[in-house]
Protein backbone atom coordinates (compact mmCIF):
# COMPACT_ATOMS: atom_id res chain seq x y z
CA MET A 1 56.17 118.29 -49.03
CA THR A 2 54.01 118.61 -45.91
CA SER A 3 56.67 120.65 -44.17
CA ALA A 4 55.27 120.69 -40.61
CA PHE A 5 54.83 116.91 -40.61
CA TYR A 6 58.26 116.29 -42.16
CA GLU A 7 59.93 118.83 -39.87
CA SER A 8 58.53 117.00 -36.85
CA ILE A 9 59.97 113.74 -38.20
CA THR A 10 63.43 115.16 -38.82
CA ALA A 11 63.43 116.80 -35.38
CA GLY A 12 62.26 113.56 -33.75
CA LEU A 13 64.98 111.55 -35.48
CA GLU A 14 67.80 114.00 -34.80
CA GLY A 15 71.04 112.14 -34.13
CA LEU A 16 69.88 109.04 -36.03
CA VAL A 17 69.83 110.57 -39.51
CA GLU A 18 72.83 111.91 -41.43
CA ARG A 19 70.85 114.05 -43.85
CA ALA A 20 67.20 114.90 -44.51
CA TRP A 21 66.08 116.41 -47.80
CA ASP A 22 63.15 116.75 -50.18
CA SER A 23 62.91 114.78 -53.42
CA HIS A 24 59.87 115.75 -55.49
CA GLY A 25 57.75 116.31 -52.39
CA MET A 26 58.95 113.21 -50.53
CA LEU A 27 61.06 113.28 -47.39
CA VAL A 28 64.33 111.39 -47.91
CA LEU A 29 66.46 110.35 -44.95
CA ASP A 30 70.07 109.23 -45.36
CA LEU A 31 71.18 107.13 -42.42
CA PRO A 32 73.77 104.57 -41.39
CA ALA A 33 72.67 100.93 -41.60
CA ALA A 34 73.14 100.60 -37.84
CA ASN A 35 70.31 103.13 -37.33
CA LEU A 36 67.80 101.44 -39.64
CA VAL A 37 65.83 99.53 -36.99
CA PRO A 38 65.58 102.41 -34.48
CA VAL A 39 64.52 104.83 -37.24
CA VAL A 40 61.91 102.44 -38.67
CA ASP A 41 60.62 101.67 -35.18
CA ARG A 42 60.08 105.37 -34.47
CA LEU A 43 58.63 106.09 -37.91
CA LYS A 44 56.04 103.38 -37.36
CA LYS A 45 55.18 103.98 -33.70
CA GLU A 46 55.51 107.75 -33.41
CA PHE A 47 54.73 109.02 -36.91
CA GLY A 48 52.26 106.45 -38.28
CA PHE A 49 54.28 104.93 -41.14
CA ALA A 50 52.32 101.69 -40.91
CA LEU A 51 52.92 100.47 -44.47
CA PHE A 52 56.28 99.18 -45.70
CA LEU A 53 55.94 99.67 -49.45
CA ASP A 54 59.18 98.34 -50.93
CA VAL A 55 62.90 97.87 -50.66
CA THR A 56 65.37 98.00 -53.54
CA ALA A 57 69.06 98.59 -54.17
CA VAL A 58 71.11 100.82 -56.44
CA ASP A 59 74.55 99.79 -57.67
CA HIS A 60 76.93 102.74 -58.00
CA LEU A 61 79.81 100.97 -59.73
CA GLY A 62 83.04 102.74 -58.92
CA ARG A 63 81.69 104.54 -55.85
CA VAL A 64 82.73 103.60 -52.32
CA PRO A 65 80.54 102.48 -50.66
CA ARG A 66 79.17 100.86 -53.78
CA PHE A 67 75.49 100.21 -52.94
CA ASP A 68 72.47 102.15 -51.73
CA VAL A 69 69.64 100.20 -50.12
CA VAL A 70 66.42 102.19 -50.49
CA TYR A 71 63.20 101.73 -48.47
CA HIS A 72 59.80 103.38 -48.96
CA PHE A 73 57.13 103.70 -46.27
CA LEU A 74 53.63 105.23 -46.23
CA CYS A 75 51.78 107.02 -43.45
CA PRO A 76 48.10 106.40 -44.34
CA ALA A 77 46.78 109.06 -41.94
CA GLN A 78 48.82 111.78 -43.66
CA MET A 79 49.00 110.08 -47.08
CA GLN A 80 52.72 110.86 -47.08
CA ARG A 81 55.70 108.73 -48.03
CA VAL A 82 59.21 108.65 -46.69
CA ARG A 83 62.31 107.19 -48.31
CA LEU A 84 65.24 105.82 -46.31
CA LYS A 85 68.64 105.47 -47.99
CA LEU A 86 71.54 103.48 -46.58
CA GLN A 87 74.98 103.23 -48.14
CA VAL A 88 76.36 99.69 -48.01
CA ASP A 89 79.90 98.52 -48.59
CA GLU A 90 80.59 95.93 -51.28
CA ALA A 91 82.70 93.82 -48.89
CA HIS A 92 79.83 93.58 -46.35
CA PRO A 93 76.56 94.02 -48.28
CA GLU A 94 74.26 93.45 -45.33
CA VAL A 95 71.50 95.44 -43.64
CA PRO A 96 69.35 94.62 -40.61
CA THR A 97 66.04 92.83 -41.20
CA LEU A 98 62.70 94.54 -40.73
CA THR A 99 60.66 91.33 -40.42
CA THR A 100 59.94 91.97 -36.74
CA HIS A 101 58.41 95.35 -37.66
CA TYR A 102 56.59 94.42 -40.87
CA GLY A 103 56.36 90.64 -40.83
């Protein structure tokens, strides 16, 4: 992990992220769904994560909340990726759209 770059991100997103950790050299940010748009906005504008690579979901049958929604972004200038993870309840499996940011 490019620690200085990732440390600046976690410091800049303090209060919006529940947990920041390293997974095989990639910064992973756990955050509430309500913070998705503000976090993505700042990642793009302040830290250069201009490419939205993919979004997927993981079903943790038996866990509450049941689902994780997982996003991957790339900062071309640093050639670094970041992963965002949101836990989503089975009763309300909805997350905000990012079409206004990466449409």
